N, C-alpha and C. Protein backbone atom coordinates (compact mmCIF):
# COMPACT_ATOMS: atom_id res chain seq x y z
N UNK A 1 -11.29 -17.38 -27.97
CA UNK A 1 -11.92 -18.13 -26.93
C UNK A 1 -13.37 -17.71 -26.76
N UNK A 2 -13.60 -16.59 -26.11
CA UNK A 2 -14.98 -16.18 -25.85
C UNK A 2 -15.31 -14.91 -26.60
N UNK A 3 -16.29 -14.20 -26.07
CA UNK A 3 -16.72 -12.93 -26.66
C UNK A 3 -15.77 -11.82 -26.22
N UNK A 4 -15.78 -10.68 -26.94
CA UNK A 4 -14.93 -9.58 -26.51
C UNK A 4 -15.40 -9.05 -25.14
N UNK A 5 -14.46 -8.57 -24.37
CA UNK A 5 -14.75 -8.07 -23.03
C UNK A 5 -15.44 -6.71 -23.16
N UNK A 6 -16.63 -6.52 -22.54
CA UNK A 6 -17.30 -5.22 -22.62
C UNK A 6 -16.56 -4.17 -21.81
N UNK A 7 -16.79 -2.93 -22.16
CA UNK A 7 -16.14 -1.81 -21.47
C UNK A 7 -16.67 -1.67 -20.06
N UNK A 8 -15.85 -1.12 -19.16
CA UNK A 8 -16.27 -0.85 -17.78
C UNK A 8 -17.19 0.36 -17.73
N UNK A 9 -17.99 0.46 -16.70
CA UNK A 9 -18.94 1.56 -16.60
C UNK A 9 -18.45 2.65 -15.67
N UNK A 10 -17.96 2.28 -14.51
CA UNK A 10 -17.51 3.25 -13.53
C UNK A 10 -16.01 3.39 -13.69
N UNK A 11 -15.36 4.02 -12.70
CA UNK A 11 -13.92 4.16 -12.75
C UNK A 11 -13.25 2.80 -12.79
N UNK A 12 -13.82 1.82 -12.11
CA UNK A 12 -13.29 0.45 -12.12
C UNK A 12 -13.98 -0.33 -13.21
N UNK A 13 -14.37 -1.53 -12.90
CA UNK A 13 -15.08 -2.39 -13.84
C UNK A 13 -16.40 -2.76 -13.21
N UNK A 14 -17.41 -2.91 -14.04
CA UNK A 14 -18.71 -3.31 -13.50
C UNK A 14 -18.68 -4.81 -13.20
N UNK A 15 -19.65 -5.28 -12.42
CA UNK A 15 -19.71 -6.69 -12.03
C UNK A 15 -19.80 -7.62 -13.24
N UNK A 16 -20.64 -7.33 -14.27
CA UNK A 16 -20.68 -8.23 -15.44
C UNK A 16 -19.33 -8.32 -16.15
N UNK A 17 -18.58 -7.22 -16.17
CA UNK A 17 -17.27 -7.24 -16.82
C UNK A 17 -16.33 -8.15 -16.03
N UNK A 18 -16.37 -8.05 -14.70
CA UNK A 18 -15.52 -8.90 -13.88
C UNK A 18 -15.88 -10.37 -14.08
N UNK A 19 -17.15 -10.67 -14.16
CA UNK A 19 -17.59 -12.04 -14.39
C UNK A 19 -17.10 -12.52 -15.76
N UNK A 20 -17.18 -11.66 -16.75
CA UNK A 20 -16.71 -12.03 -18.09
C UNK A 20 -15.20 -12.29 -18.08
N UNK A 21 -14.47 -11.49 -17.29
CA UNK A 21 -13.02 -11.71 -17.19
C UNK A 21 -12.72 -13.07 -16.57
N UNK A 22 -13.46 -13.42 -15.51
CA UNK A 22 -13.26 -14.74 -14.90
C UNK A 22 -13.62 -15.86 -15.88
N UNK A 23 -14.67 -15.68 -16.64
CA UNK A 23 -15.05 -16.70 -17.62
C UNK A 23 -13.95 -16.87 -18.67
N UNK A 24 -13.37 -15.75 -19.09
CA UNK A 24 -12.26 -15.80 -20.05
C UNK A 24 -11.07 -16.55 -19.45
N UNK A 25 -10.79 -16.30 -18.18
CA UNK A 25 -9.67 -16.97 -17.53
C UNK A 25 -9.95 -18.47 -17.41
N UNK A 26 -11.16 -18.84 -17.09
CA UNK A 26 -11.52 -20.25 -17.00
C UNK A 26 -11.33 -20.91 -18.37
N UNK A 27 -11.81 -20.26 -19.42
CA UNK A 27 -11.67 -20.82 -20.77
C UNK A 27 -10.20 -20.94 -21.16
N UNK A 28 -9.39 -19.95 -20.78
CA UNK A 28 -7.96 -20.00 -21.08
C UNK A 28 -7.32 -21.18 -20.36
N UNK A 29 -7.65 -21.37 -19.09
CA UNK A 29 -7.10 -22.49 -18.33
C UNK A 29 -7.58 -23.83 -18.89
N UNK A 30 -8.81 -23.88 -19.36
CA UNK A 30 -9.31 -25.12 -19.99
C UNK A 30 -8.53 -25.42 -21.27
N UNK A 31 -8.21 -24.37 -22.02
CA UNK A 31 -7.42 -24.55 -23.24
C UNK A 31 -6.02 -25.05 -22.89
N UNK A 32 -5.42 -24.47 -21.86
CA UNK A 32 -4.11 -24.95 -21.41
C UNK A 32 -4.20 -26.43 -21.01
N UNK A 33 -5.29 -26.80 -20.30
CA UNK A 33 -5.47 -28.20 -19.89
C UNK A 33 -5.53 -29.12 -21.10
N UNK A 34 -6.25 -28.68 -22.14
CA UNK A 34 -6.37 -29.51 -23.34
C UNK A 34 -5.00 -29.69 -24.01
N UNK A 35 -4.21 -28.63 -24.05
CA UNK A 35 -2.87 -28.72 -24.64
C UNK A 35 -2.00 -29.66 -23.80
N UNK A 36 -2.07 -29.53 -22.48
CA UNK A 36 -1.27 -30.39 -21.61
C UNK A 36 -1.68 -31.85 -21.74
N UNK A 37 -2.98 -32.11 -21.85
CA UNK A 37 -3.46 -33.49 -22.04
C UNK A 37 -2.95 -34.06 -23.37
N UNK A 38 -2.95 -33.23 -24.39
CA UNK A 38 -2.42 -33.68 -25.69
C UNK A 38 -0.95 -33.98 -25.60
N UNK A 39 -0.19 -33.17 -24.88
CA UNK A 39 1.25 -33.43 -24.74
C UNK A 39 1.49 -34.70 -23.92
N UNK A 40 0.64 -34.95 -22.91
CA UNK A 40 0.79 -36.19 -22.13
C UNK A 40 0.52 -37.41 -23.02
N UNK A 41 -0.47 -37.31 -23.88
CA UNK A 41 -0.76 -38.42 -24.80
C UNK A 41 0.43 -38.64 -25.74
N UNK A 42 1.02 -37.54 -26.21
CA UNK A 42 2.18 -37.66 -27.11
C UNK A 42 3.35 -38.32 -26.39
N UNK A 43 3.46 -38.03 -25.11
CA UNK A 43 4.56 -38.59 -24.33
C UNK A 43 4.41 -40.11 -24.20
N UNK A 44 3.18 -40.57 -24.10
CA UNK A 44 2.91 -42.01 -23.93
C UNK A 44 3.11 -42.79 -25.23
N UNK A 45 2.98 -42.13 -26.34
CA UNK A 45 3.08 -42.81 -27.64
C UNK A 45 4.51 -43.26 -27.92
N UNK A 46 5.47 -42.63 -27.42
CA UNK A 46 6.89 -42.95 -27.58
C UNK A 46 7.39 -42.68 -29.00
N UNK A 47 6.57 -42.02 -29.77
CA UNK A 47 7.01 -41.64 -31.11
C UNK A 47 7.88 -40.38 -31.02
N UNK A 48 7.58 -39.55 -30.03
CA UNK A 48 8.30 -38.30 -29.85
C UNK A 48 9.33 -38.46 -28.74
N UNK A 49 10.35 -37.63 -28.78
CA UNK A 49 11.37 -37.68 -27.73
C UNK A 49 10.75 -37.25 -26.40
N UNK A 50 10.96 -38.06 -25.41
CA UNK A 50 10.35 -37.86 -24.09
C UNK A 50 10.75 -36.50 -23.48
N UNK A 51 12.03 -36.14 -23.54
CA UNK A 51 12.50 -34.89 -22.92
C UNK A 51 11.94 -33.66 -23.62
N UNK A 52 11.83 -33.71 -24.91
CA UNK A 52 11.31 -32.56 -25.67
C UNK A 52 9.84 -32.34 -25.33
N UNK A 53 9.06 -33.39 -25.24
CA UNK A 53 7.63 -33.27 -24.91
C UNK A 53 7.46 -32.75 -23.48
N UNK A 54 8.29 -33.28 -22.57
CA UNK A 54 8.22 -32.80 -21.18
C UNK A 54 8.59 -31.32 -21.09
N UNK A 55 9.59 -30.92 -21.89
CA UNK A 55 9.99 -29.51 -21.91
C UNK A 55 8.83 -28.65 -22.44
N UNK A 56 8.14 -29.12 -23.46
CA UNK A 56 6.99 -28.40 -24.01
C UNK A 56 5.88 -28.30 -22.95
N UNK A 57 5.65 -29.38 -22.20
CA UNK A 57 4.66 -29.35 -21.12
C UNK A 57 5.04 -28.30 -20.06
N UNK A 58 6.31 -28.25 -19.73
CA UNK A 58 6.78 -27.26 -18.74
C UNK A 58 6.58 -25.83 -19.27
N UNK A 59 6.83 -25.64 -20.56
CA UNK A 59 6.64 -24.31 -21.17
C UNK A 59 5.16 -23.91 -21.11
N UNK A 60 4.27 -24.85 -21.43
CA UNK A 60 2.83 -24.56 -21.42
C UNK A 60 2.38 -24.26 -19.98
N UNK A 61 2.86 -25.06 -19.03
CA UNK A 61 2.49 -24.83 -17.63
C UNK A 61 3.02 -23.47 -17.15
N UNK A 62 4.22 -23.10 -17.56
CA UNK A 62 4.76 -21.78 -17.20
C UNK A 62 3.93 -20.65 -17.81
N UNK A 63 3.50 -20.86 -19.05
CA UNK A 63 2.65 -19.85 -19.69
C UNK A 63 1.33 -19.72 -18.94
N UNK A 64 0.76 -20.85 -18.49
CA UNK A 64 -0.49 -20.79 -17.73
C UNK A 64 -0.27 -20.04 -16.41
N UNK A 65 0.80 -20.35 -15.72
CA UNK A 65 1.09 -19.68 -14.44
C UNK A 65 1.27 -18.18 -14.66
N UNK A 66 2.01 -17.80 -15.69
CA UNK A 66 2.22 -16.37 -15.98
C UNK A 66 0.90 -15.67 -16.30
N UNK A 67 0.06 -16.32 -17.10
CA UNK A 67 -1.23 -15.72 -17.46
C UNK A 67 -2.12 -15.55 -16.23
N UNK A 68 -2.17 -16.59 -15.39
CA UNK A 68 -2.98 -16.49 -14.16
C UNK A 68 -2.43 -15.43 -13.21
N UNK A 69 -1.11 -15.40 -13.06
CA UNK A 69 -0.50 -14.41 -12.17
C UNK A 69 -0.80 -12.99 -12.67
N UNK A 70 -0.64 -12.78 -13.95
CA UNK A 70 -0.92 -11.46 -14.54
C UNK A 70 -2.39 -11.08 -14.32
N UNK A 71 -3.27 -12.03 -14.57
CA UNK A 71 -4.69 -11.76 -14.39
C UNK A 71 -4.99 -11.36 -12.95
N UNK A 72 -4.52 -12.15 -11.99
CA UNK A 72 -4.86 -11.87 -10.60
C UNK A 72 -4.18 -10.62 -10.07
N UNK A 73 -2.98 -10.29 -10.60
CA UNK A 73 -2.36 -9.02 -10.21
C UNK A 73 -3.21 -7.85 -10.69
N UNK A 74 -3.64 -7.90 -11.94
CA UNK A 74 -4.49 -6.83 -12.48
C UNK A 74 -5.85 -6.81 -11.79
N UNK A 75 -6.40 -7.98 -11.56
CA UNK A 75 -7.71 -8.06 -10.93
C UNK A 75 -7.64 -7.53 -9.50
N UNK A 76 -6.54 -7.78 -8.82
CA UNK A 76 -6.35 -7.26 -7.46
C UNK A 76 -6.37 -5.73 -7.49
N UNK A 77 -5.74 -5.14 -8.49
CA UNK A 77 -5.76 -3.68 -8.61
C UNK A 77 -7.19 -3.17 -8.81
N UNK A 78 -7.95 -3.87 -9.62
CA UNK A 78 -9.34 -3.48 -9.87
C UNK A 78 -10.16 -3.58 -8.59
N UNK A 79 -9.98 -4.68 -7.86
CA UNK A 79 -10.72 -4.87 -6.61
C UNK A 79 -10.34 -3.81 -5.59
N UNK A 80 -9.06 -3.50 -5.49
CA UNK A 80 -8.61 -2.47 -4.54
C UNK A 80 -9.18 -1.10 -4.90
N UNK A 81 -9.23 -0.79 -6.19
CA UNK A 81 -9.80 0.47 -6.63
C UNK A 81 -11.29 0.53 -6.29
N UNK A 82 -11.99 -0.59 -6.52
CA UNK A 82 -13.41 -0.66 -6.16
C UNK A 82 -13.61 -0.53 -4.66
N UNK A 83 -12.73 -1.16 -3.89
CA UNK A 83 -12.84 -1.08 -2.42
C UNK A 83 -12.63 0.35 -1.95
N UNK A 84 -11.65 1.07 -2.52
CA UNK A 84 -11.43 2.47 -2.15
C UNK A 84 -12.66 3.32 -2.50
N UNK A 85 -13.22 3.08 -3.70
CA UNK A 85 -14.40 3.82 -4.11
C UNK A 85 -15.55 3.56 -3.14
N UNK A 86 -15.78 2.28 -2.81
CA UNK A 86 -16.89 1.93 -1.91
C UNK A 86 -16.68 2.53 -0.53
N UNK A 87 -15.47 2.47 -0.01
CA UNK A 87 -15.18 3.04 1.30
C UNK A 87 -15.42 4.55 1.28
N UNK A 88 -14.93 5.23 0.25
CA UNK A 88 -15.12 6.68 0.13
C UNK A 88 -16.59 7.03 0.03
N UNK A 89 -17.34 6.27 -0.76
CA UNK A 89 -18.77 6.51 -0.92
C UNK A 89 -19.49 6.35 0.41
N UNK A 90 -19.20 5.26 1.13
CA UNK A 90 -19.85 5.03 2.42
C UNK A 90 -19.50 6.13 3.42
N UNK A 91 -18.23 6.54 3.45
CA UNK A 91 -17.80 7.58 4.39
C UNK A 91 -18.50 8.90 4.08
N UNK A 92 -18.56 9.26 2.80
CA UNK A 92 -19.25 10.50 2.41
C UNK A 92 -20.73 10.43 2.74
N UNK A 93 -21.34 9.28 2.48
CA UNK A 93 -22.77 9.12 2.78
C UNK A 93 -23.02 9.22 4.28
N UNK A 94 -22.17 8.57 5.06
CA UNK A 94 -22.32 8.63 6.52
C UNK A 94 -22.17 10.05 7.04
N UNK A 95 -21.24 10.79 6.46
CA UNK A 95 -21.04 12.18 6.90
C UNK A 95 -22.27 13.04 6.57
N UNK A 96 -22.84 12.82 5.38
CA UNK A 96 -24.02 13.58 4.98
C UNK A 96 -25.21 13.27 5.87
N UNK A 97 -25.37 12.01 6.22
CA UNK A 97 -26.55 11.61 6.97
C UNK A 97 -26.36 11.69 8.48
N UNK A 98 -25.16 12.08 8.91
CA UNK A 98 -24.88 12.16 10.34
C UNK A 98 -25.64 13.34 10.96
N UNK A 99 -26.25 13.10 12.09
CA UNK A 99 -27.01 14.13 12.79
C UNK A 99 -26.20 14.60 13.99
N UNK A 100 -26.09 15.90 14.16
CA UNK A 100 -25.31 16.47 15.27
C UNK A 100 -25.89 16.00 16.60
N UNK A 101 -27.19 15.91 16.69
CA UNK A 101 -27.81 15.49 17.95
C UNK A 101 -27.48 14.04 18.26
N UNK A 102 -27.32 13.20 17.24
CA UNK A 102 -26.90 11.81 17.48
C UNK A 102 -25.51 11.78 18.10
N UNK A 103 -24.63 12.62 17.59
CA UNK A 103 -23.29 12.71 18.13
C UNK A 103 -23.35 13.15 19.59
N UNK A 104 -24.18 14.14 19.88
CA UNK A 104 -24.34 14.62 21.25
C UNK A 104 -24.81 13.49 22.16
N UNK A 105 -25.80 12.71 21.71
CA UNK A 105 -26.31 11.62 22.53
C UNK A 105 -25.26 10.52 22.74
N UNK A 106 -24.48 10.25 21.69
CA UNK A 106 -23.42 9.25 21.82
C UNK A 106 -22.37 9.70 22.84
N UNK A 107 -21.99 10.97 22.79
CA UNK A 107 -21.02 11.49 23.74
C UNK A 107 -21.59 11.45 25.15
N UNK A 108 -22.86 11.80 25.28
CA UNK A 108 -23.51 11.79 26.59
C UNK A 108 -23.50 10.37 27.19
N UNK A 109 -23.79 9.36 26.35
CA UNK A 109 -23.77 7.97 26.81
C UNK A 109 -22.37 7.57 27.27
N UNK A 110 -21.36 7.93 26.51
CA UNK A 110 -19.98 7.59 26.88
C UNK A 110 -19.58 8.26 28.19
N UNK A 111 -19.96 9.51 28.34
CA UNK A 111 -19.61 10.22 29.57
C UNK A 111 -20.34 9.63 30.77
N UNK A 112 -21.58 9.17 30.59
CA UNK A 112 -22.29 8.51 31.68
C UNK A 112 -21.60 7.20 32.05
N UNK A 113 -21.11 6.48 31.05
CA UNK A 113 -20.35 5.25 31.30
C UNK A 113 -19.08 5.54 32.09
N UNK A 114 -18.38 6.60 31.72
CA UNK A 114 -17.17 6.99 32.46
C UNK A 114 -17.52 7.34 33.90
N UNK A 115 -18.64 8.02 34.08
CA UNK A 115 -19.06 8.43 35.43
C UNK A 115 -19.35 7.19 36.28
N UNK A 116 -20.03 6.18 35.69
CA UNK A 116 -20.33 4.93 36.41
C UNK A 116 -19.06 4.20 36.82
N UNK A 117 -18.03 4.28 36.00
CA UNK A 117 -16.76 3.63 36.30
C UNK A 117 -15.91 4.44 37.28
N UNK A 118 -16.38 5.64 37.60
CA UNK A 118 -15.63 6.49 38.52
C UNK A 118 -14.52 7.28 37.85
N UNK A 119 -14.55 7.35 36.53
CA UNK A 119 -13.54 8.11 35.79
C UNK A 119 -13.98 9.56 35.66
N UNK A 120 -13.01 10.49 35.57
CA UNK A 120 -13.39 11.90 35.42
C UNK A 120 -13.94 12.16 34.02
N UNK A 121 -14.81 13.15 33.88
CA UNK A 121 -15.37 13.45 32.55
C UNK A 121 -14.31 14.04 31.63
N UNK A 122 -14.43 13.74 30.37
CA UNK A 122 -13.55 14.32 29.36
C UNK A 122 -14.16 15.58 28.78
N UNK A 123 -15.48 15.68 28.86
CA UNK A 123 -16.20 16.81 28.29
C UNK A 123 -17.20 17.34 29.29
N UNK A 124 -17.56 18.59 29.15
CA UNK A 124 -18.66 19.14 29.93
C UNK A 124 -19.88 19.14 29.04
N UNK A 125 -20.91 18.45 29.46
CA UNK A 125 -22.13 18.37 28.66
C UNK A 125 -23.11 19.39 29.21
N UNK A 126 -23.58 20.24 28.34
CA UNK A 126 -24.51 21.29 28.74
C UNK A 126 -25.89 20.69 29.00
N UNK A 127 -26.47 20.95 30.16
CA UNK A 127 -27.81 20.41 30.41
C UNK A 127 -28.84 21.13 29.55
N UNK A 128 -29.83 20.39 29.11
CA UNK A 128 -30.94 20.94 28.32
C UNK A 128 -30.46 21.63 27.05
N UNK A 129 -29.37 21.16 26.48
CA UNK A 129 -28.84 21.76 25.26
C UNK A 129 -29.74 21.39 24.09
N UNK A 130 -30.02 22.42 23.29
CA UNK A 130 -30.81 22.21 22.07
C UNK A 130 -30.01 22.80 20.92
N UNK A 131 -29.86 22.05 19.90
CA UNK A 131 -29.05 22.46 18.75
C UNK A 131 -29.57 23.76 18.14
N UNK A 132 -30.86 23.91 18.10
CA UNK A 132 -31.46 25.05 17.40
C UNK A 132 -31.33 26.35 18.19
N UNK A 133 -30.92 26.28 19.47
CA UNK A 133 -30.72 27.50 20.25
C UNK A 133 -29.70 28.41 19.56
N UNK A 134 -28.60 27.84 19.15
CA UNK A 134 -27.54 28.62 18.51
C UNK A 134 -28.03 29.22 17.20
N UNK A 135 -28.75 28.43 16.43
CA UNK A 135 -29.27 28.94 15.16
C UNK A 135 -30.25 30.08 15.39
N UNK A 136 -31.12 29.94 16.39
CA UNK A 136 -32.09 31.00 16.70
C UNK A 136 -31.35 32.26 17.15
N UNK A 137 -30.31 32.09 17.96
CA UNK A 137 -29.53 33.24 18.43
C UNK A 137 -28.87 33.94 17.24
N UNK A 138 -28.27 33.16 16.34
CA UNK A 138 -27.63 33.75 15.16
C UNK A 138 -28.65 34.47 14.28
N UNK A 139 -29.82 33.89 14.09
CA UNK A 139 -30.86 34.52 13.28
C UNK A 139 -31.34 35.83 13.93
N UNK A 140 -31.52 35.81 15.25
CA UNK A 140 -31.97 37.01 15.97
C UNK A 140 -30.93 38.11 15.85
N UNK A 141 -29.65 37.78 16.01
CA UNK A 141 -28.59 38.79 15.87
C UNK A 141 -28.57 39.37 14.47
N UNK A 142 -28.76 38.54 13.47
CA UNK A 142 -28.76 39.02 12.09
C UNK A 142 -29.94 39.97 11.86
N UNK A 143 -31.12 39.64 12.42
CA UNK A 143 -32.29 40.53 12.26
C UNK A 143 -32.04 41.87 12.94
N UNK A 144 -31.47 41.85 14.17
CA UNK A 144 -31.19 43.11 14.88
C UNK A 144 -30.18 43.94 14.12
N UNK A 145 -29.14 43.29 13.61
CA UNK A 145 -28.12 44.01 12.85
C UNK A 145 -28.74 44.64 11.60
N UNK A 146 -29.60 43.91 10.93
CA UNK A 146 -30.25 44.43 9.72
C UNK A 146 -31.15 45.60 10.08
N UNK A 147 -31.88 45.47 11.19
CA UNK A 147 -32.78 46.55 11.62
C UNK A 147 -31.97 47.81 11.93
N UNK A 148 -30.83 47.66 12.64
CA UNK A 148 -29.99 48.82 12.96
C UNK A 148 -29.47 49.51 11.71
N UNK A 149 -29.02 48.74 10.75
CA UNK A 149 -28.47 49.35 9.53
C UNK A 149 -29.56 50.07 8.74
N UNK A 150 -30.77 49.50 8.69
CA UNK A 150 -31.84 50.19 7.96
C UNK A 150 -32.25 51.46 8.71
N UNK A 151 -32.24 51.46 10.05
CA UNK A 151 -32.57 52.67 10.81
C UNK A 151 -31.52 53.74 10.58
N UNK A 152 -30.25 53.37 10.54
CA UNK A 152 -29.18 54.34 10.29
C UNK A 152 -29.34 54.94 8.89
N UNK A 153 -29.69 54.12 7.93
CA UNK A 153 -29.88 54.62 6.56
C UNK A 153 -31.04 55.60 6.51
N UNK A 154 -32.13 55.31 7.23
CA UNK A 154 -33.28 56.21 7.25
C UNK A 154 -32.91 57.54 7.88
N UNK A 155 -32.17 57.50 8.97
CA UNK A 155 -31.76 58.75 9.64
C UNK A 155 -30.90 59.58 8.72
N UNK A 156 -29.99 58.95 8.02
CA UNK A 156 -29.11 59.69 7.12
C UNK A 156 -29.91 60.34 6.00
N UNK A 157 -30.90 59.65 5.49
CA UNK A 157 -31.69 60.18 4.37
C UNK A 157 -32.73 61.19 4.85
N UNK A 158 -33.16 61.13 6.10
CA UNK A 158 -34.21 62.03 6.56
C UNK A 158 -33.69 63.42 6.89
N UNK A 159 -32.46 63.59 7.33
CA UNK A 159 -31.92 64.91 7.61
C UNK A 159 -30.79 65.21 6.63
N UNK A 160 -30.77 66.38 6.10
CA UNK A 160 -29.73 66.73 5.14
C UNK A 160 -28.38 66.86 5.84
N UNK A 161 -27.33 66.59 5.11
CA UNK A 161 -25.99 66.69 5.67
C UNK A 161 -25.60 68.15 5.90
N UNK A 162 -25.83 69.03 4.94
CA UNK A 162 -25.55 70.47 5.06
C UNK A 162 -26.87 71.21 4.92
N UNK A 163 -27.40 71.71 6.01
CA UNK A 163 -28.69 72.41 5.90
C UNK A 163 -28.56 73.65 5.02
N UNK A 164 -29.61 73.98 4.28
CA UNK A 164 -29.54 75.16 3.39
C UNK A 164 -29.43 76.44 4.22
N UNK A 165 -28.74 77.44 3.69
CA UNK A 165 -28.59 78.72 4.44
C UNK A 165 -29.94 79.40 4.62
N UNK A 166 -30.19 79.89 5.84
CA UNK A 166 -31.46 80.56 6.14
C UNK A 166 -31.28 82.04 6.41
N UNK A 167 -30.04 82.48 6.53
CA UNK A 167 -29.79 83.88 6.87
C UNK A 167 -29.80 84.10 8.37
N UNK A 168 -29.99 83.05 9.13
CA UNK A 168 -30.01 83.16 10.58
C UNK A 168 -28.83 82.37 11.12
N UNK A 169 -28.07 82.98 12.03
CA UNK A 169 -26.92 82.32 12.63
C UNK A 169 -27.05 82.40 14.14
N UNK A 170 -26.46 81.43 14.81
CA UNK A 170 -26.51 81.48 16.27
C UNK A 170 -25.23 82.05 16.80
N UNK A 171 -25.30 82.73 17.93
CA UNK A 171 -24.12 83.33 18.57
C UNK A 171 -23.64 82.38 19.64
N UNK A 172 -22.44 82.60 20.16
CA UNK A 172 -21.93 81.72 21.19
C UNK A 172 -22.82 81.68 22.44
N UNK A 173 -23.63 82.73 22.71
CA UNK A 173 -24.50 82.73 23.88
C UNK A 173 -25.76 81.89 23.63
N UNK A 174 -25.98 81.49 22.38
CA UNK A 174 -27.17 80.72 22.06
C UNK A 174 -28.27 81.58 21.49
N UNK A 175 -28.04 82.91 21.31
CA UNK A 175 -29.06 83.78 20.74
C UNK A 175 -28.95 83.75 19.22
N UNK A 176 -30.04 84.02 18.56
CA UNK A 176 -30.07 84.02 17.12
C UNK A 176 -29.82 85.41 16.58
N UNK A 177 -29.04 85.52 15.55
CA UNK A 177 -28.76 86.79 14.89
C UNK A 177 -29.37 86.77 13.51
N UNK A 178 -29.85 87.97 13.08
CA UNK A 178 -30.36 88.07 11.71
C UNK A 178 -29.59 89.03 10.92
């Protein structure tokens, strides 16, 4: 009938491939139509047995129905796979581009709406909340922790663990003995 069907590009089929599949199906249905028209002409000639020609027409029509049904069942699977891919892509993209502050503003608007309706709040919204406060606090704690550990390391390295013997010892009264 037509040209060979090109390979798909993504996990599903690309748009040109789907179009080519539809064109193939149209050509197949046109071929079935031509066969059916030929059988109808044969039926009118009365040279052939009427029942046999009608049976052949029914067989051709059944073959067309089966081919179309098979095509649309497979095509439905392709479309569903593409729809899942598109939904997943959009959801992932939305999650990546979502801003925490937008979520905060959306919640704040909803809570204000609840307040206008006289409904109790579902959340406590912190006044003057800034997202970067928490990040600054975490960064400051990390700097202080790092400073403390470096100071401890310096103290350990600056004084020896076991001082060298000097020949001088202290007595319980605090006096030095030689």
